[in-house]
Every structure is written in structure tokens, then in C-alpha cells.
Protein backbone atom coordinates (compact mmCIF):
# COMPACT_ATOMS: atom_id res chain seq x y z
CA SER A 1 0.00 0.00 0.00
CA THR A 2 1.03 3.61 -0.40
CA SER A 3 1.02 4.23 3.34
CA SER A 4 3.22 1.18 4.00
CA ALA A 5 5.70 2.26 1.33
CA PHE A 6 5.74 5.77 2.77
CA VAL A 7 6.29 4.63 6.37
CA THR A 8 9.02 2.16 5.39
CA GLY A 9 10.73 4.57 3.01
CA ILE A 10 10.82 7.40 5.55
CA PHE A 11 12.34 5.09 8.15
CA LEU A 12 15.03 3.88 5.75
CA VAL A 13 15.98 7.44 4.83
CA LEU A 14 16.13 8.51 8.48
CA ASP A 15 18.17 5.44 9.38
CA SER A 16 20.65 6.05 6.56
CA HIS A 17 21.25 9.62 7.77
CA LEU A 18 20.88 9.26 11.54
CA GLY A 19 22.03 5.71 12.14
CA LEU A 20 18.92 4.74 14.09
CA HIS A 21 19.98 1.11 14.07
CA ARG A 22 23.01 2.01 16.19
CA THR A 23 20.95 3.33 19.09
CA GLU A 24 20.55 1.24 22.23
CA SER A 25 16.74 1.39 22.06
CA TYR A 26 16.80 -0.01 18.51
CA ARG A 27 19.24 -2.76 19.43
CA ARG A 28 17.13 -3.84 22.40
CA ALA A 29 13.76 -3.72 20.67
CA ILE A 30 14.57 -4.65 17.05
CA GLY A 31 17.99 -6.29 16.86
CA VAL A 32 21.66 -5.79 16.12
CA ARG A 33 22.82 -5.06 12.59
CA ARG A 34 25.11 -7.75 11.22
CA THR A 35 27.30 -5.31 9.30
CA GLU A 36 27.47 -2.24 11.50
CA ASN A 37 28.70 0.24 8.89
CA TYR A 38 26.18 -0.79 6.27
CA THR A 39 22.84 1.03 6.05
CA LEU A 40 19.55 -0.54 5.07
CA LEU A 41 19.58 1.57 1.91
CA ALA A 42 22.16 -0.67 0.27
CA ASN A 43 23.36 0.19 -3.20
CA ASP A 44 23.87 -3.50 -3.90
CA LYS A 45 20.34 -4.87 -3.78
CA ASP A 46 21.57 -8.47 -3.71
CA GLU A 47 23.47 -8.08 -0.42
CA CYS A 48 20.56 -7.40 1.94
CA ASP A 49 20.80 -10.87 3.52
CA ASP A 50 24.30 -9.98 4.69
CA ILE A 51 23.15 -6.72 6.30
CA TYR A 52 20.44 -7.68 8.76
CA GLY A 53 21.11 -9.39 12.04
CA GLU A 54 19.23 -12.53 13.03
CA ASP A 55 15.50 -11.71 13.33
CA GLU A 56 16.21 -7.98 12.88
CA VAL A 57 14.47 -7.59 9.53
CA TYR A 58 11.43 -9.51 10.80
CA ASN A 59 11.20 -7.42 13.96
CA LEU A 60 11.66 -4.24 11.94
CA SER A 61 8.79 -5.07 9.60
CA THR A 62 6.57 -5.81 12.61
CA TYR A 63 7.59 -2.51 14.21
CA LEU A 64 6.92 -0.50 11.04
CA GLY A 65 3.52 -2.16 10.72
CA ASN A 66 2.76 -1.02 14.27
CA VAL A 67 3.94 2.51 13.43
CA GLU A 68 1.41 2.55 10.61
CA ASN A 69 -1.52 1.04 12.48
CA GLY A 70 -0.82 2.84 15.76
CA GLN A 71 -0.68 -0.30 17.91
CA ASP A 72 1.99 -1.08 20.48
CA TYR A 73 5.11 -2.90 19.32
CA VAL A 74 5.87 -5.78 21.68
CA MET A 75 8.92 -7.99 21.72
CA THR A 76 7.76 -10.89 23.87
CA ARG A 77 9.74 -12.51 26.67
CA HIS A 78 10.51 -15.45 24.41
CA GLN A 79 11.89 -13.17 21.69
CA SER A 80 13.82 -10.83 23.93
CA GLN A 81 15.10 -13.51 26.34
CA LYS A 82 14.38 -11.02 29.12
CA LYS A 83 12.07 -11.25 32.09
CA ASP A 84 9.63 -8.66 30.82
CA PRO A 85 8.53 -7.95 27.27
CA ILE A 86 9.86 -4.85 25.52
CA VAL A 87 7.00 -2.53 24.66
CA LEU A 88 7.13 0.54 22.44
CA LYS A 89 3.86 2.40 22.86
CA GLY A 90 1.90 3.23 19.74
CA THR A 91 0.10 6.44 18.83
CA ALA A 92 -2.57 7.28 16.28
CA GLY A 93 -1.98 5.43 13.00
CA VAL A 94 -3.63 5.66 9.60
CA GLY A 95 -6.90 4.29 10.95
CA THR A 96 -6.66 0.61 10.02
CA PHE A 97 -5.62 -2.35 12.13
CA GLY A 98 -3.35 -3.77 9.47
CA GLY A 99 -0.35 -6.06 9.74
CA SER A 100 3.20 -5.97 8.46
CA GLU A 101 2.92 -7.89 5.17
CA ASP A 102 3.68 -4.90 2.94
CA HIS A 103 6.56 -3.73 5.11
CA ALA A 104 8.10 -7.22 5.06
CA ALA A 105 7.84 -7.37 1.27
CA ILE A 106 9.47 -3.97 0.88
CA LEU A 107 12.35 -4.90 3.17
CA MET A 108 12.90 -8.51 2.09
CA GLY A 109 12.04 -8.63 -1.60
CA LYS A 110 14.42 -10.59 -3.83
CA GLN A 111 14.54 -10.85 -7.61
CA GLY A 112 12.62 -13.89 -8.84
CA GLN A 113 11.58 -15.02 -5.37
CA LEU A 114 8.48 -15.05 -3.21
CA ARG A 115 8.56 -15.43 0.56
CA LEU A 116 6.46 -17.45 2.98
CA LEU A 117 6.08 -15.59 6.26
CA SER A 118 4.02 -15.87 9.40
CA PHE A 119 2.94 -12.73 11.24
CA CYS A 120 2.36 -11.39 14.74
CA PRO A 121 5.31 -11.39 14.96
CA THR A 122 6.81 -11.56 11.47
CA ARG A 123 8.88 -14.72 10.99
CA PRO A 124 9.83 -17.06 8.13
CA ALA A 125 7.37 -19.92 7.64
CA SER A 126 8.13 -23.39 6.32
CA PHE A 127 6.01 -26.44 5.61
CA ARG A 128 6.22 -30.17 4.94
CA PHE A 129 4.18 -32.11 2.44
CA ARG A 130 3.46 -35.77 1.80
CA SER A 131 2.35 -36.76 -1.70
CA ASN A 132 -0.67 -39.05 -1.96
CA GLY A 133 -1.35 -38.90 -5.68
CA HIS A 134 -4.55 -36.86 -5.76
CA ASP A 135 -5.35 -33.63 -7.60
CA ILE A 136 -6.01 -30.51 -5.50
CA GLY A 137 -5.41 -32.51 -2.34
CA ASP A 138 -2.26 -34.22 -3.58
CA VAL A 139 -0.18 -33.02 -0.65
CA SER A 140 -0.33 -33.40 3.08
CA VAL A 141 0.35 -30.22 5.03
CA THR A 142 2.22 -30.29 8.31
CA SER A 143 2.79 -27.53 10.79
CA CYS A 144 3.81 -24.05 9.65
CA GLU A 145 6.48 -24.24 12.33
CA VAL A 146 8.66 -27.27 11.66
CA ASP A 147 10.81 -28.58 14.49
CA GLU A 148 14.24 -29.89 13.67
CA ASP A 149 13.33 -33.43 14.72
CA GLU A 150 10.54 -33.48 12.13
CA ARG A 151 13.12 -33.38 9.35
CA SER A 152 13.67 -37.10 9.75
CA TYR A 153 10.19 -37.76 8.36
CA ASP A 154 9.85 -38.77 4.71
CA LEU A 155 8.23 -35.51 3.66
CA ILE A 156 8.78 -32.88 1.00
CA TYR A 157 10.18 -29.73 2.57
CA GLN A 158 8.97 -26.32 1.41
CA GLY A 159 11.13 -23.56 2.80
CA SER A 160 10.37 -19.90 3.29
CA VAL A 161 11.81 -18.95 -0.12
CA VAL A 162 9.63 -19.84 -3.13
CA HIS A 163 11.33 -19.56 -6.50
CA MET A 164 9.25 -18.10 -9.31
CA PRO A 165 9.27 -20.33 -12.42
CA PRO A 166 11.18 -18.33 -15.06
CA ASP A 167 8.58 -18.85 -17.81
CA LEU A 168 5.81 -17.18 -15.79
CA ALA A 169 4.96 -13.55 -15.10
CA PHE A 170 2.41 -11.65 -13.06
CA VAL A 171 -0.07 -9.27 -14.66
CA VAL A 172 -1.28 -6.71 -12.13
CA ALA A 173 -4.60 -4.97 -12.75
CA TYR A 174 -5.18 -1.68 -10.96
CA SER A 175 -8.95 -1.25 -10.91
CA GLY A 176 -8.87 2.55 -10.85
CA THR A 177 -10.77 2.52 -7.55
CA LYS A 178 -8.82 3.94 -4.63
CA ALA A 179 -9.11 2.08 -1.35
CA GLU A 180 -9.13 5.20 0.84
CA LYS A 181 -8.41 4.16 4.41
CA ALA A 182 -7.60 7.51 5.98
CA GLY A 183 -8.67 11.11 5.80
CA GLY A 184 -12.30 11.05 6.83
CA VAL A 185 -13.79 13.70 9.09
CA ASP A 186 -13.15 11.56 12.17
CA GLY A 187 -10.23 9.69 10.66
CA ALA A 188 -12.50 6.88 9.45
CA THR A 189 -13.69 6.00 5.96
CA ALA A 190 -15.98 3.33 4.55
CA ALA A 191 -12.89 1.38 3.51
CA SER A 192 -11.18 1.67 6.89
CA GLU A 193 -14.34 0.67 8.74
CA GLY A 194 -14.85 -2.35 6.50
CA TYR A 195 -11.20 -3.33 6.76
CA ASN A 196 -11.21 -2.99 10.53
CA ASN A 197 -14.39 -5.03 10.71
CA ALA A 198 -12.55 -8.06 9.27
CA SER A 199 -9.70 -7.50 11.73
CA GLU A 200 -12.07 -6.96 14.65
CA LEU A 201 -14.04 -10.12 13.88
CA ALA A 202 -10.82 -12.13 14.06
CA ARG A 203 -10.08 -10.64 17.47
CA LYS A 204 -13.62 -11.31 18.71
CA ALA A 205 -13.41 -14.89 17.40
CA LEU A 206 -10.28 -15.35 19.51
CA ASP A 207 -12.02 -13.83 22.53
CA ALA A 208 -14.95 -16.21 22.10
CA TYR A 209 -12.57 -19.17 21.83
CA LEU A 210 -10.65 -18.18 24.96
CA PHE A 211 -13.85 -17.82 26.98
CA GLY A 212 -15.54 -20.90 25.59
CA GLU A 213 -16.33 -23.89 27.75
CA GLY A 214 -13.37 -25.93 28.94
CA THR A 215 -10.69 -23.42 27.99
CA ASN A 216 -8.96 -23.01 31.32
CA ARG A 217 -5.33 -22.73 30.15
CA ASP A 218 -2.20 -21.74 32.00
CA ASP A 219 -0.86 -19.99 28.91
CA GLU A 220 -4.11 -18.29 27.95
CA LEU A 221 -2.60 -14.83 28.41
CA GLU A 222 0.04 -15.65 25.80
CA MET A 223 -2.60 -16.21 23.12
CA LYS A 224 -2.77 -12.98 21.18
CA THR A 225 -3.93 -14.25 17.78
CA LEU A 226 -5.94 -17.02 16.16
CA ALA A 227 -2.64 -18.50 15.01
CA ASP A 228 -1.64 -18.91 18.67
CA ALA A 229 -4.91 -20.77 19.29
CA VAL A 230 -4.26 -23.09 16.33
CA ARG A 231 -0.76 -23.90 17.58
CA TRP A 232 -2.08 -24.58 21.08
CA GLU A 233 -4.80 -26.92 19.84
CA ARG A 234 -2.33 -28.74 17.60
CA ARG A 235 -0.10 -29.43 20.61
CA ARG A 236 -3.05 -30.37 22.82
CA LEU A 237 -4.39 -32.86 20.27
CA GLY A 238 -0.94 -34.25 19.53
CA ILE A 239 -1.30 -33.52 15.82
CA ARG A 240 1.93 -33.01 13.92
CA SER A 241 0.54 -33.32 10.41
CA THR A 242 -2.71 -33.21 8.49
CA SER A 243 -3.94 -35.43 5.68
CA GLY A 244 -4.36 -34.17 2.17
CA MET A 245 -7.84 -34.44 0.64
CA GLY A 246 -9.64 -31.09 0.56
CA ILE A 247 -10.16 -29.72 4.07
CA MET A 248 -8.25 -32.54 5.64
CA GLN A 249 -9.30 -35.02 8.31
CA GLN A 250 -6.81 -34.25 11.07
CA SER A 251 -6.89 -30.58 10.19
CA ASP A 252 -10.66 -30.78 10.64
CA LYS A 253 -10.13 -31.84 14.25
CA ILE A 254 -8.30 -28.61 15.02
CA LYS A 255 -10.75 -26.46 13.11
CA LYS A 256 -13.80 -28.16 14.63
CA CYS A 257 -12.41 -27.90 18.14
CA ILE A 258 -11.83 -24.14 17.87
CA SER A 259 -15.13 -23.56 16.06
CA ASP A 260 -16.99 -25.46 18.78
CA GLN A 261 -15.27 -23.40 21.48
CA ILE A 262 -16.33 -20.19 19.74
CA CYS A 263 -19.93 -21.39 19.58
CA SER A 264 -19.92 -22.47 23.22
CA ARG A 265 -19.19 -19.04 24.60
CA GLU A 266 -22.19 -18.36 26.80
CA SER A 267 -21.87 -14.60 26.58
CA THR A 268 -22.10 -14.59 22.78
CA ALA A 269 -25.80 -13.94 22.36
CA ASN A 270 -27.82 -13.45 19.21
CA GLU A 271 -28.36 -9.78 19.92
CA GLU A 272 -24.59 -9.15 19.97
CA ARG A 273 -23.51 -7.69 16.67
CA GLY A 274 -20.25 -6.76 14.94
CA ALA A 275 -19.44 -3.69 12.87
CA GLU A 276 -22.05 -2.01 10.71
CA ALA A 277 -20.84 -3.93 7.65
CA VAL A 278 -22.22 -7.16 9.11
CA ASP A 279 -25.84 -7.95 8.23
CA SER A 280 -27.77 -7.57 11.48
CA SER A 281 -30.03 -10.52 10.60
CA GLU A 282 -27.14 -13.00 10.77
CA ASN A 283 -26.26 -14.97 13.85
CA TYR A 284 -23.15 -13.41 15.35
CA ARG A 285 -21.63 -16.68 16.48
CA THR A 286 -21.94 -18.03 12.94
CA ILE A 287 -20.14 -14.94 11.67
CA LEU A 288 -17.31 -15.46 14.14
CA VAL A 289 -16.96 -19.12 13.19
CA GLN A 290 -16.90 -18.23 9.49
CA ARG A 291 -14.22 -15.63 10.12
CA PHE A 292 -12.07 -18.12 12.03
CA GLU A 293 -12.53 -20.88 9.45
CA GLN A 294 -11.61 -18.52 6.61
CA PHE A 295 -8.44 -17.60 8.49
CA TYR A 296 -7.68 -21.25 9.24
CA ASP A 297 -8.22 -22.51 5.70
CA GLU A 298 -6.17 -19.66 4.22
CA SER A 299 -3.24 -19.92 6.63
CA GLU A 300 -3.08 -23.66 7.28
CA PHE A 301 -4.05 -25.07 3.87
CA LEU A 302 -4.32 -22.62 0.99
CA VAL A 303 -1.09 -20.67 1.49
CA PRO A 304 1.25 -23.65 1.96
CA THR A 305 -0.29 -25.68 -0.85
CA ALA A 306 -0.22 -22.69 -3.20
CA ALA A 307 3.49 -22.21 -2.51
CA TYR A 308 4.13 -25.90 -3.13
CA ALA A 309 2.08 -25.89 -6.33
CA LEU A 310 3.84 -22.82 -7.73
CA GLU A 311 7.38 -23.97 -7.05
CA ASN A 312 6.62 -27.46 -8.37
CA GLU A 313 4.75 -26.12 -11.44
CA LYS A 314 1.44 -27.78 -10.56
CA TYR A 315 -0.56 -25.01 -12.17
CA GLU A 316 -4.00 -26.63 -12.25
CA MET A 317 -3.72 -27.27 -8.54
CA LEU A 318 -2.48 -23.73 -7.98
CA GLY A 319 -5.43 -22.24 -9.84
CA SER A 320 -7.98 -24.22 -7.82
CA ILE A 321 -6.34 -23.20 -4.55
CA VAL A 322 -6.20 -19.50 -5.43
CA ASP A 323 -9.84 -19.62 -6.59
CA LYS A 324 -10.80 -20.82 -3.11
CA SER A 325 -8.76 -18.06 -1.50
CA HIS A 326 -10.42 -15.37 -3.62
CA GLN A 327 -13.81 -16.88 -2.88
CA GLY A 328 -13.11 -16.49 0.84
CA ALA A 329 -12.18 -12.84 0.37
CA VAL A 330 -15.39 -12.10 -1.53
CA ASN A 331 -17.89 -14.17 0.42
CA ILE A 332 -16.52 -14.21 3.98
CA LEU A 333 -14.11 -11.31 4.45
CA ARG A 334 -16.39 -9.24 2.22
CA ASN A 335 -13.57 -6.84 1.49
CA GLN A 336 -13.98 -6.74 -2.29
CA ILE A 337 -15.82 -4.28 -4.48
CA GLU A 338 -17.57 -5.38 -7.68
CA GLU A 339 -14.55 -4.65 -9.84
CA THR A 340 -12.00 -6.59 -7.79
CA ALA A 341 -14.43 -9.49 -7.27
CA TRP A 342 -14.97 -9.71 -11.05
CA LEU A 343 -11.42 -9.25 -12.37
CA PRO A 344 -9.98 -12.61 -11.21
CA LEU A 345 -13.05 -14.42 -12.55
CA SER A 346 -12.47 -12.80 -15.92
CA ALA A 347 -8.80 -13.77 -15.89
CA ARG A 348 -9.73 -17.37 -15.09
CA GLY A 349 -12.54 -17.59 -17.64
CA MET A 350 -15.25 -17.51 -14.97
CA LYS A 351 -16.66 -14.01 -15.43
CA ASP A 352 -20.11 -15.35 -16.26
CA GLN A 353 -20.24 -16.83 -12.75
CA TYR A 354 -20.27 -13.38 -11.12
CA SER A 355 -23.76 -12.31 -10.06
CA GLY A 356 -22.85 -8.76 -9.01
CA SER A 357 -23.64 -6.91 -5.81
CA SER A 358 -27.12 -5.86 -6.88
CA SER A 359 -28.53 -9.24 -5.84
CA SER A 360 -28.77 -10.52 -2.30
CA THR A 361 -26.53 -13.49 -3.05
CA SER A 362 -22.75 -13.41 -3.08
CA PRO A 363 -20.76 -14.15 -6.26
CA GLN A 364 -20.68 -17.86 -7.04
CA PHE A 365 -17.56 -19.71 -8.12
CA SER A 366 -17.16 -22.91 -10.08
CA SER A 367 -14.34 -24.68 -11.87
CA THR A 368 -14.13 -23.91 -15.60
CA PRO A 369 -11.27 -24.00 -18.15
CA VAL A 370 -8.62 -21.49 -17.18
CA LYS A 371 -7.16 -18.50 -18.99
CA ALA A 372 -4.67 -17.37 -16.37
CA PHE A 373 -3.11 -20.15 -14.31
CA ALA A 374 -4.29 -18.34 -11.18
CA ALA A 375 -5.77 -14.96 -10.29
CA SER A 376 -6.92 -13.15 -7.16
CA ALA A 377 -7.53 -9.80 -5.56
CA PHE A 378 -4.79 -8.79 -3.13
CA GLY A 379 -4.10 -6.22 -0.47
CA ALA A 380 -6.50 -4.88 2.12
CA GLY A 381 -9.45 -4.76 -0.27
CA PHE A 382 -12.24 -2.20 -0.82
CA GLY A 383 -10.60 -1.13 -4.06
CA GLY A 384 -7.08 -1.50 -5.33
CA SER A 385 -5.69 -4.26 -7.52
CA CYS A 386 -5.76 -7.89 -8.62
CA TRP A 387 -3.11 -10.19 -10.04
CA ALA A 388 -3.04 -12.96 -12.63
CA LEU A 389 -0.29 -15.51 -13.28
CA VAL A 390 0.32 -16.24 -16.96
CA CYS A 391 2.96 -17.45 -19.41
CA ARG A 392 5.63 -14.80 -19.76
CA ASN A 393 5.58 -14.85 -23.57
CA ARG A 394 1.84 -14.06 -23.62
CA ALA A 395 1.71 -11.71 -20.67
CA ARG A 396 1.47 -8.40 -22.57
CA HIS A 397 -1.22 -9.74 -24.88
CA PHE A 398 -3.11 -11.05 -21.86
CA ALA A 399 -2.83 -7.67 -20.09
CA ARG A 400 -4.41 -5.86 -23.07
CA GLN A 401 -7.15 -8.47 -23.37
CA TRP A 402 -7.88 -8.30 -19.64
CA LEU A 403 -8.07 -4.50 -19.65
CA ASN A 404 -10.39 -4.44 -22.69
CA SER A 405 -12.68 -6.98 -21.05
CA PHE A 406 -12.68 -4.95 -17.84
CA ASN A 407 -13.51 -1.70 -19.64
CA SER A 408 -16.40 -3.42 -21.39
CA ALA A 409 -17.85 -4.78 -18.16
CA PHE A 410 -17.11 -1.66 -16.07
CA PRO A 411 -16.89 1.43 -18.31
CA PRO A 412 -14.41 3.98 -16.93
CA GLY A 413 -16.10 6.59 -14.76
CA SER A 414 -15.33 10.20 -14.05
CA SER A 415 -13.12 9.59 -11.01
CA GLY A 416 -10.04 10.62 -12.96
CA LEU A 417 -8.08 7.62 -11.67
CA HIS A 418 -6.15 5.84 -14.39
CA ARG A 419 -6.68 2.12 -14.81
CA GLU A 420 -3.38 0.39 -15.36
CA PHE A 421 -2.67 -3.23 -16.26
CA PHE A 422 1.02 -4.11 -16.38
CA VAL A 423 3.39 -7.08 -16.48
CA THR A 424 5.75 -7.57 -13.56
CA GLU A 425 7.70 -10.17 -11.58
CA PRO A 426 9.04 -10.52 -8.03
CA GLY A 427 11.74 -7.89 -7.61
CA PRO A 428 14.27 -6.64 -5.08
CA GLY A 429 13.32 -4.91 -1.87
CA ALA A 430 14.11 -1.32 -1.00
CA PHE A 431 17.58 -0.10 -2.02
CA CYS A 432 19.33 3.18 -2.74
CA VAL A 433 19.14 4.64 -6.26
């Protein structure tokens, strides 16, 4: 996002001139620079891995995300190896409760590579897979956090770095609709309220889980996110891996356990409602369960299998997985406008399956022959852009075709914002020019 690029860029400039990374407060809260006389704004964009200290770049992206969203930055006791956590108090941010994905991409980008990361706090993520010969479920997904002793298992290892196949390219479609998340009279906008609703529902789902029946845990206070709850349930159930067909059997145990805990919260009554964006006629507990299950499916199944499919050139599998992810954004997160809901369907040859927002039903998805290998909206939603993955040698032709189709379905308005469809690939992170 523009705000993330601005926040990160300003910090890098200040650090290059003032040496912020040399201060004691930075060293304690973020980390120690590996090469002390080397600034983050490196002229050699291939040497960034030699600059950052261990965990420093991950902590820095988390911190910059907190600067933007106004929340406190906390280095936990486990991270800091100190008795008490290190806390840097936040102030007013841009108005959204966002994470640090954009900041991590800006700091850690590498030419021709994608990265798998976990967040809160930002850390590299890795996965293990077991082939079982099926189509979309032809892998078994293990924990996002792989212990060293698990490496003895006969599994396929997918590390944090995902190499982009050289014959593919991304086509990015900017819809021409700005996702304005700041600048309202009271600091709020329709986009920021909708975005925060998705974030708030995740927090309330965690609250409902923690206060559900039978959840008396010694480490309850350490659970700050739904990801913490998933890790706790995995340990409690003794599950180290999940099986591979669709939403998988052992994975279902974790998901069902947490969903049941959310539903069992006595204080979650029908009259309790979320943000204004949530239909008041819906049962609030159902909404919370849907929000958790969307998070779980995305984080525990869709992301790892998509990374595996891309790096191993299983493009049909990749397309089906990304379709499911986009479906979750449209139907459950509800953070897409008509244009960004429609664009990926058009890229995948499914545009006739979009019913539009004028009806009471959400857009419907089904498997049809593909155009792009995969396509999805991305970012915080409520405007912005989509991406499609295509053959490099047909990317420019595809971009023109996609734009023409978009203009036919959604004629350009009078907003003055320029629609832009362009070909790109994973590139380097921030560096000095």
C-alpha cells in the first residue's frame, strides 16, 4: 500500500542519515545489525541478507507495521530472552488495524523469489508435504512451524523462499478505484471501517474461543492471535501433520475444536452484533466461526499448498487453490468491491459466474477451463488491484485483453483515476538509487 511504502521509506531514509539502528533502544527492541557500517539503503540490492542481524528484519517489519496502524510494538519474553517484554507504545496510525505484510515485502524482496512468512510477529514460515497422488489434495500439510526433529520424516520440505518459475509472469490490474483508508472527518472512511471489521471479527473470534467452555489454560494470556490458538490446539491434540484431501481429516479436528469453542461461549448472544458492515439478521456466532474458518483454511491449507504448487509447477492445482482463496475474500471477508471481485473471474474464464452486488446473493464460483493459471484480488481490499499468473511470452497480450474486457464490463467513470494493467515479476526490496 502507499502508506506502507511511505512509512518504510521514511524510516530507511532517516536510518541512513541518523544511524537509528546504532541506538541502544533499537538494538534492544529490534535487533543488532550484522554489518554495523552498512545502512539498510544498500546500493547492492543483492546483499541485503548480509546486512540484517538474526531476526532484525522480521522485527523491523513488525515494528513498522505497528507505526502505521498505531498499535503497540511488543517484543515478547521469548523473543527478547528477558524477564519482561519490551513494549514501544503506539500512537494514532492511519486508521486501520493492518499487519506488516507490505513492510516485510518492501524490506525482504528478492529478484525472482516469493517469501512465505508468518505474522504477529513476522517470521519465516516453512512447511512439509506428503504426496498421496490426488489432484487438489495431492499433498499433506504439516505444521507451519517445523521442528528440527521433524526433518527425519519422509516428507517434502517447502522452505520460506519460493522460487518463481522463469517462464511465468504476473499481470497486475489496478482497478482505478482507490481504497481510501484515511482522511475522513473523524479519521474513518468506509474502507477503513470495512477493513477494521474483518480485523475486529478475528479478534472477537479469539475472545470467544478463549472464553468458551473448557478453555482453562495456563498460557491463555500468551494467546494474542488465532494463530496462537491453532498452535495450542495442535499441541493439545498431539497432531503433527494433516492429511491431504480437501479440508483434511486431522486438520478438521483442530478447526472443529476451535469452532466449537467459539460457539460455546455463553456470553455470545444473538443480539450481539459486529461492525455495521455485518448484516444484522445474521447470527453473530456463525459470523465469528466463518471468520475463524476462513483464516484457518487460508493460513493452514491454501497458502502452503499454493506455494508448493507454484514452485513445483502444478498449475492446475495452484489455480484451484487460489480460486478458493479469492472466494473467501469475496464471500466471507467481504472486502472486495464489484470490480475486484470480477477481475480474477475474468482472468480465469469464470466471469459469467459473477452475479454482481445488486442481488442478495454473493458471487458464485465454479471450476471452468482457465485462462490465467491463477488470479486473485490482493491487499487490504475495498478497491485497489488484482493479479493474474500467466505465461511470460503471452503476458502483454493477456494484459491488453484483460483491460479491454474490464472496460467493457465496467466502463471507466469520471473519477479521474487511471486504470493500469502491467506485467511484472518478483523484484528486489528497498535499495538506494
